[in-house]
Amino acid sequence: MTQILKNITRYAEHVLTEILLGSLLILVVVRTIQYNVTRTRDKYLHTNCLTALANMSAQFRSLHQYATQRIIR
């Protein structure tokens, strides 16, 4: 069973009315990577976030359009 989250108000960049929990997780990890690259530059955090995305990538299905845009960007 997939869980759909509605009206995510904490995500200020883009209004997310309906998004799967997995897509939201991807958005959080991608945002963490971007923050780390621009500000903290922690190699350990960067490596772990990229590893988590790589491990999850085999299970990516029905991703939200905004999540796929953020991965590609």
PDB file of N, CA and C in Angstrom:
ATOM      1  N   MET A   1       0.838  -1.181   0.000  1.00  0.00           N
ATOM      2  CA  MET A   1       0.000   0.000   0.000  1.00  0.00           C
ATOM      3  C   MET A   1       0.885   1.246   0.000  1.00  0.00           C
ATOM      4  N   THR A   2       0.598   2.156  -0.879  1.00  0.00           N
ATOM      5  CA  THR A   2       1.362   3.394  -0.939  1.00  0.00           C
ATOM      6  C   THR A   2       0.630   4.472  -0.156  1.00  0.00           C
ATOM      7  N   GLN A   3       1.397   5.285   0.499  1.00  0.00           N
ATOM      8  CA  GLN A   3       0.811   6.346   1.301  1.00  0.00           C
ATOM      9  C   GLN A   3       0.946   7.675   0.576  1.00  0.00           C
ATOM     10  N   ILE A   4      -0.179   8.328   0.363  1.00  0.00           N
ATOM     11  CA  ILE A   4      -0.194   9.630  -0.303  1.00  0.00           C
ATOM     12  C   ILE A   4      -0.366  10.709   0.751  1.00  0.00           C
ATOM     13  N   LEU A   5       0.552  11.664   0.741  1.00  0.00           N
ATOM     14  CA  LEU A   5       0.477  12.794   1.657  1.00  0.00           C
ATOM     15  C   LEU A   5      -0.151  13.962   0.920  1.00  0.00           C
ATOM     16  N   LYS A   6      -0.999  14.709   1.600  1.00  0.00           N
ATOM     17  CA  LYS A   6      -1.695  15.824   0.957  1.00  0.00           C
ATOM     18  C   LYS A   6      -1.340  17.126   1.639  1.00  0.00           C
ATOM     19  N   ASN A   7      -1.211  18.167   0.818  1.00  0.00           N
ATOM     20  CA  ASN A   7      -0.987  19.534   1.288  1.00  0.00           C
ATOM     21  C   ASN A   7       0.207  19.658   2.235  1.00  0.00           C
ATOM     22  N   ILE A   8       1.388  19.385   1.723  1.00  0.00           N
ATOM     23  CA  ILE A   8       2.619  19.532   2.485  1.00  0.00           C
ATOM     24  C   ILE A   8       2.910  21.020   2.607  1.00  0.00           C
ATOM     25  N   THR A   9       2.774  21.563   3.799  1.00  0.00           N
ATOM     26  CA  THR A   9       2.950  23.001   3.991  1.00  0.00           C
ATOM     27  C   THR A   9       4.382  23.371   4.345  1.00  0.00           C
ATOM     28  N   ARG A  10       5.184  22.453   4.765  1.00  0.00           N
ATOM     29  CA  ARG A  10       6.555  22.747   5.168  1.00  0.00           C
ATOM     30  C   ARG A  10       7.492  22.896   3.984  1.00  0.00           C
ATOM     31  N   TYR A  11       7.079  22.502   2.825  1.00  0.00           N
ATOM     32  CA  TYR A  11       7.924  22.567   1.643  1.00  0.00           C
ATOM     33  C   TYR A  11       7.644  23.882   0.933  1.00  0.00           C
ATOM     34  N   ALA A  12       8.481  24.897   1.168  1.00  0.00           N
ATOM     35  CA  ALA A  12       8.207  26.259   0.724  1.00  0.00           C
ATOM     36  C   ALA A  12       8.515  26.510  -0.755  1.00  0.00           C
ATOM     37  N   GLU A  13       9.413  25.741  -1.351  1.00  0.00           N
ATOM     38  CA  GLU A  13       9.831  26.001  -2.725  1.00  0.00           C
ATOM     39  C   GLU A  13       8.736  25.703  -3.743  1.00  0.00           C
ATOM     40  N   HIS A  14       7.928  24.722  -3.457  1.00  0.00           N
ATOM     41  CA  HIS A  14       6.960  24.245  -4.427  1.00  0.00           C
ATOM     42  C   HIS A  14       5.744  23.726  -3.661  1.00  0.00           C
ATOM     43  N   VAL A  15       4.555  24.055  -4.122  1.00  0.00           N
ATOM     44  CA  VAL A  15       3.342  23.580  -3.456  1.00  0.00           C
ATOM     45  C   VAL A  15       3.123  22.121  -3.826  1.00  0.00           C
ATOM     46  N   LEU A  16       3.092  21.266  -2.827  1.00  0.00           N
ATOM     47  CA  LEU A  16       2.894  19.840  -3.049  1.00  0.00           C
ATOM     48  C   LEU A  16       1.528  19.453  -2.504  1.00  0.00           C
ATOM     49  N   THR A  17       0.564  19.295  -3.405  1.00  0.00           N
ATOM     50  CA  THR A  17      -0.787  18.973  -2.951  1.00  0.00           C
ATOM     51  C   THR A  17      -0.950  17.490  -2.672  1.00  0.00           C
ATOM     52  N   GLU A  18      -0.414  16.653  -3.525  1.00  0.00           N
ATOM     53  CA  GLU A  18      -0.444  15.207  -3.299  1.00  0.00           C
ATOM     54  C   GLU A  18       0.893  14.626  -3.724  1.00  0.00           C
ATOM     55  N   ILE A  19       1.535  13.927  -2.809  1.00  0.00           N
ATOM     56  CA  ILE A  19       2.841  13.346  -3.103  1.00  0.00           C
ATOM     57  C   ILE A  19       2.979  12.051  -2.318  1.00  0.00           C
ATOM     58  N   LEU A  20       3.621  11.080  -2.925  1.00  0.00           N
ATOM     59  CA  LEU A  20       3.889   9.834  -2.229  1.00  0.00           C
ATOM     60  C   LEU A  20       4.993  10.041  -1.199  1.00  0.00           C
ATOM     61  N   LEU A  21       4.946   9.272  -0.151  1.00  0.00           N
ATOM     62  CA  LEU A  21       5.927   9.397   0.923  1.00  0.00           C
ATOM     63  C   LEU A  21       7.345   9.161   0.405  1.00  0.00           C
ATOM     64  N   GLY A  22       7.517   8.226  -0.505  1.00  0.00           N
ATOM     65  CA  GLY A  22       8.833   7.956  -1.080  1.00  0.00           C
ATOM     66  C   GLY A  22       9.385   9.136  -1.861  1.00  0.00           C
ATOM     67  N   SER A  23       8.517   9.819  -2.601  1.00  0.00           N
ATOM     68  CA  SER A  23       8.945  10.998  -3.352  1.00  0.00           C
ATOM     69  C   SER A  23       9.361  12.122  -2.412  1.00  0.00           C
ATOM     70  N   LEU A  24       8.637  12.266  -1.308  1.00  0.00           N
ATOM     71  CA  LEU A  24       9.001  13.284  -0.331  1.00  0.00           C
ATOM     72  C   LEU A  24      10.346  12.959   0.308  1.00  0.00           C
ATOM     73  N   LEU A  25      10.598  11.691   0.567  1.00  0.00           N
ATOM     74  CA  LEU A  25      11.888  11.276   1.120  1.00  0.00           C
ATOM     75  C   LEU A  25      13.023  11.614   0.158  1.00  0.00           C
ATOM     76  N   ILE A  26      12.812  11.388  -1.121  1.00  0.00           N
ATOM     77  CA  ILE A  26      13.821  11.718  -2.123  1.00  0.00           C
ATOM     78  C   ILE A  26      14.087  13.215  -2.132  1.00  0.00           C
ATOM     79  N   LEU A  27      13.033  14.019  -2.064  1.00  0.00           N
ATOM     80  CA  LEU A  27      13.197  15.470  -2.040  1.00  0.00           C
ATOM     81  C   LEU A  27      14.009  15.930  -0.834  1.00  0.00           C
ATOM     82  N   VAL A  28      13.778  15.314   0.310  1.00  0.00           N
ATOM     83  CA  VAL A  28      14.514  15.693   1.516  1.00  0.00           C
ATOM     84  C   VAL A  28      15.992  15.331   1.377  1.00  0.00           C
ATOM     85  N   VAL A  29      16.285  14.155   0.843  1.00  0.00           N
ATOM     86  CA  VAL A  29      17.684  13.741   0.676  1.00  0.00           C
ATOM     87  C   VAL A  29      18.393  14.626  -0.341  1.00  0.00           C
ATOM     88  N   VAL A  30      17.721  14.953  -1.451  1.00  0.00           N
ATOM     89  CA  VAL A  30      18.323  15.825  -2.464  1.00  0.00           C
ATOM     90  C   VAL A  30      18.573  17.216  -1.893  1.00  0.00           C
ATOM     91  N   ARG A  31      17.636  17.732  -1.120  1.00  0.00           N
ATOM     92  CA  ARG A  31      17.826  19.047  -0.502  1.00  0.00           C
ATOM     93  C   ARG A  31      18.988  19.014   0.499  1.00  0.00           C
ATOM     94  N   THR A  32      19.132  17.928   1.223  1.00  0.00           N
ATOM     95  CA  THR A  32      20.246  17.785   2.162  1.00  0.00           C
ATOM     96  C   THR A  32      21.576  17.790   1.421  1.00  0.00           C
ATOM     97  N   ILE A  33      21.631  17.103   0.288  1.00  0.00           N
ATOM     98  CA  ILE A  33      22.853  17.086  -0.518  1.00  0.00           C
ATOM     99  C   ILE A  33      23.187  18.498  -1.005  1.00  0.00           C
ATOM    100  N   GLN A  34      22.180  19.203  -1.504  1.00  0.00           N
ATOM    101  CA  GLN A  34      22.418  20.562  -2.000  1.00  0.00           C
ATOM    102  C   GLN A  34      22.884  21.490  -0.880  1.00  0.00           C
ATOM    103  N   TYR A  35      22.271  21.387   0.276  1.00  0.00           N
ATOM    104  CA  TYR A  35      22.674  22.218   1.411  1.00  0.00           C
ATOM    105  C   TYR A  35      24.116  21.906   1.808  1.00  0.00           C
ATOM    106  N   ASN A  36      24.441  20.624   1.812  1.00  0.00           N
ATOM    107  CA  ASN A  36      25.785  20.214   2.194  1.00  0.00           C
ATOM    108  C   ASN A  36      26.824  20.729   1.197  1.00  0.00           C
ATOM    109  N   VAL A  37      26.511  20.691  -0.068  1.00  0.00           N
ATOM    110  CA  VAL A  37      27.460  21.162  -1.087  1.00  0.00           C
ATOM    111  C   VAL A  37      27.714  22.659  -0.959  1.00  0.00           C
ATOM    112  N   THR A  38      26.668  23.428  -0.675  1.00  0.00           N
ATOM    113  CA  THR A  38      26.816  24.880  -0.638  1.00  0.00           C
ATOM    114  C   THR A  38      27.311  25.420   0.700  1.00  0.00           C
ATOM    115  N   ARG A  39      27.047  24.728   1.799  1.00  0.00           N
ATOM    116  CA  ARG A  39      27.366  25.324   3.095  1.00  0.00           C
ATOM    117  C   ARG A  39      28.325  24.509   3.954  1.00  0.00           C
ATOM    118  N   THR A  40      27.942  23.316   4.351  1.00  0.00           N
ATOM    119  CA  THR A  40      28.738  22.598   5.350  1.00  0.00           C
ATOM    120  C   THR A  40      29.924  21.842   4.764  1.00  0.00           C
ATOM    121  N   ARG A  41      29.764  21.312   3.571  1.00  0.00           N
ATOM    122  CA  ARG A  41      30.823  20.566   2.876  1.00  0.00           C
ATOM    123  C   ARG A  41      31.386  19.404   3.691  1.00  0.00           C
ATOM    124  N   ASP A  42      30.493  18.636   4.275  1.00  0.00           N
ATOM    125  CA  ASP A  42      30.868  17.462   5.041  1.00  0.00           C
ATOM    126  C   ASP A  42      30.935  16.260   4.092  1.00  0.00           C
ATOM    127  N   LYS A  43      32.130  15.724   3.866  1.00  0.00           N
ATOM    128  CA  LYS A  43      32.302  14.627   2.921  1.00  0.00           C
ATOM    129  C   LYS A  43      31.567  13.374   3.370  1.00  0.00           C
ATOM    130  N   TYR A  44      31.538  13.111   4.669  1.00  0.00           N
ATOM    131  CA  TYR A  44      30.873  11.923   5.199  1.00  0.00           C
ATOM    132  C   TYR A  44      29.365  11.999   4.945  1.00  0.00           C
ATOM    133  N   LEU A  45      28.752  13.142   5.216  1.00  0.00           N
ATOM    134  CA  LEU A  45      27.319  13.314   4.981  1.00  0.00           C
ATOM    135  C   LEU A  45      27.004  13.204   3.492  1.00  0.00           C
ATOM    136  N   HIS A  46      27.811  13.824   2.671  1.00  0.00           N
ATOM    137  CA  HIS A  46      27.613  13.795   1.224  1.00  0.00           C
ATOM    138  C   HIS A  46      27.662  12.356   0.703  1.00  0.00           C
ATOM    139  N   THR A  47      28.659  11.612   1.132  1.00  0.00           N
ATOM    140  CA  THR A  47      28.805  10.216   0.709  1.00  0.00           C
ATOM    141  C   THR A  47      27.617   9.377   1.145  1.00  0.00           C
ATOM    142  N   ASN A  48      27.175   9.558   2.379  1.00  0.00           N
ATOM    143  CA  ASN A  48      26.048   8.769   2.883  1.00  0.00           C
ATOM    144  C   ASN A  48      24.739   9.106   2.186  1.00  0.00           C
ATOM    145  N   CYS A  49      24.504  10.364   1.889  1.00  0.00           N
ATOM    146  CA  CYS A  49      23.276  10.758   1.184  1.00  0.00           C
ATOM    147  C   CYS A  49      23.261  10.201  -0.235  1.00  0.00           C
ATOM    148  N   LEU A  50      24.380  10.302  -0.924  1.00  0.00           N
ATOM    149  CA  LEU A  50      24.456   9.744  -2.277  1.00  0.00           C
ATOM    150  C   LEU A  50      24.311   8.225  -2.265  1.00  0.00           C
ATOM    151  N   THR A  51      24.868   7.582  -1.262  1.00  0.00           N
ATOM    152  CA  THR A  51      24.728   6.133  -1.132  1.00  0.00           C
ATOM    153  C   THR A  51      23.281   5.747  -0.875  1.00  0.00           C
ATOM    154  N   ALA A  52      22.590   6.517  -0.035  1.00  0.00           N
ATOM    155  CA  ALA A  52      21.180   6.244   0.237  1.00  0.00           C
ATOM    156  C   ALA A  52      20.348   6.385  -1.033  1.00  0.00           C
ATOM    157  N   LEU A  53      20.597   7.426  -1.823  1.00  0.00           N
ATOM    158  CA  LEU A  53      19.874   7.585  -3.087  1.00  0.00           C
ATOM    159  C   LEU A  53      20.177   6.437  -4.050  1.00  0.00           C
ATOM    160  N   ALA A  54      21.420   6.040  -4.116  1.00  0.00           N
ATOM    161  CA  ALA A  54      21.794   4.934  -5.008  1.00  0.00           C
ATOM    162  C   ALA A  54      21.124   3.630  -4.577  1.00  0.00           C
ATOM    163  N   ASN A  55      21.066   3.384  -3.282  1.00  0.00           N
ATOM    164  CA  ASN A  55      20.429   2.161  -2.787  1.00  0.00           C
ATOM    165  C   ASN A  55      18.922   2.172  -3.019  1.00  0.00           C
ATOM    166  N   MET A  56      18.295   3.332  -2.920  1.00  0.00           N
ATOM    167  CA  MET A  56      16.843   3.432  -3.127  1.00  0.00           C
ATOM    168  C   MET A  56      16.473   3.426  -4.602  1.00  0.00           C
ATOM    169  N   SER A  57      17.407   3.733  -5.483  1.00  0.00           N
ATOM    170  CA  SER A  57      17.089   3.960  -6.886  1.00  0.00           C
ATOM    171  C   SER A  57      16.460   2.742  -7.570  1.00  0.00           C
ATOM    172  N   ALA A  58      16.777   1.556  -7.123  1.00  0.00           N
ATOM    173  CA  ALA A  58      16.183   0.362  -7.726  1.00  0.00           C
ATOM    174  C   ALA A  58      14.690   0.254  -7.430  1.00  0.00           C
ATOM    175  N   GLN A  59      14.229   0.943  -6.410  1.00  0.00           N
ATOM    176  CA  GLN A  59      12.826   0.866  -6.000  1.00  0.00           C
ATOM    177  C   GLN A  59      12.003   2.077  -6.449  1.00  0.00           C
ATOM    178  N   PHE A  60      12.591   3.020  -7.177  1.00  0.00           N
ATOM    179  CA  PHE A  60      11.860   4.212  -7.603  1.00  0.00           C
ATOM    180  C   PHE A  60      10.749   3.825  -8.576  1.00  0.00           C
ATOM    181  N   ARG A  61       9.512   4.116  -8.189  1.00  0.00           N
ATOM    182  CA  ARG A  61       8.358   3.883  -9.043  1.00  0.00           C
ATOM    183  C   ARG A  61       7.332   4.975  -8.780  1.00  0.00           C
ATOM    184  N   SER A  62       6.693   5.421  -9.804  1.00  0.00           N
ATOM    185  CA  SER A  62       5.624   6.427  -9.702  1.00  0.00           C
ATOM    186  C   SER A  62       6.071   7.660  -8.923  1.00  0.00           C
ATOM    187  N   LEU A  63       7.243   8.161  -9.257  1.00  0.00           N
ATOM    188  CA  LEU A  63       7.749   9.339  -8.565  1.00  0.00           C
ATOM    189  C   LEU A  63       6.953  10.579  -8.959  1.00  0.00           C
ATOM    190  N   HIS A  64       6.846  11.494  -8.031  1.00  0.00           N
ATOM    191  CA  HIS A  64       6.201  12.776  -8.294  1.00  0.00           C
ATOM    192  C   HIS A  64       7.039  13.541  -9.305  1.00  0.00           C
ATOM    193  N   GLN A  65       6.387  14.328 -10.142  1.00  0.00           N
ATOM    194  CA  GLN A  65       7.081  15.070 -11.194  1.00  0.00           C
ATOM    195  C   GLN A  65       8.158  15.990 -10.621  1.00  0.00           C
ATOM    196  N   TYR A  66       7.860  16.646  -9.510  1.00  0.00           N
ATOM    197  CA  TYR A  66       8.829  17.561  -8.914  1.00  0.00           C
ATOM    198  C   TYR A  66      10.046  16.809  -8.372  1.00  0.00           C
ATOM    199  N   ALA A  67       9.830  15.616  -7.830  1.00  0.00           N
ATOM    200  CA  ALA A  67      10.949  14.809  -7.323  1.00  0.00           C
ATOM    201  C   ALA A  67      11.876  14.396  -8.464  1.00  0.00           C
ATOM    202  N   THR A  68      11.314  14.017  -9.597  1.00  0.00           N
ATOM    203  CA  THR A  68      12.169  13.643 -10.727  1.00  0.00           C
ATOM    204  C   THR A  68      12.930  14.851 -11.274  1.00  0.00           C
ATOM    205  N   GLN A  69      12.293  16.019 -11.280  1.00  0.00           N
ATOM    206  CA  GLN A  69      12.997  17.215 -11.730  1.00  0.00           C
ATOM    207  C   GLN A  69      14.171  17.535 -10.826  1.00  0.00           C
ATOM    208  N   ARG A  70      13.988  17.394  -9.526  1.00  0.00           N
ATOM    209  CA  ARG A  70      15.055  17.694  -8.572  1.00  0.00           C
ATOM    210  C   ARG A  70      16.207  16.691  -8.677  1.00  0.00           C
ATOM    211  N   ILE A  71      15.912  15.438  -8.962  1.00  0.00           N
ATOM    212  CA  ILE A  71      16.972  14.429  -9.134  1.00  0.00           C
ATOM    213  C   ILE A  71      17.820  14.782 -10.356  1.00  0.00           C
ATOM    214  N   ILE A  72      17.154  15.111 -11.440  1.00  0.00           N
ATOM    215  CA  ILE A  72      17.866  15.410 -12.688  1.00  0.00           C
ATOM    216  C   ILE A  72      18.647  16.708 -12.573  1.00  0.00           C
ATOM    217  N   ARG A  73      18.073  17.687 -11.931  1.00  0.00           N
ATOM    218  CA  ARG A  73      18.730  18.986 -11.790  1.00  0.00           C
ATOM    219  C   ARG A  73      19.935  18.833 -10.895  1.00  0.00           C
TER     220      ARG A  73
END
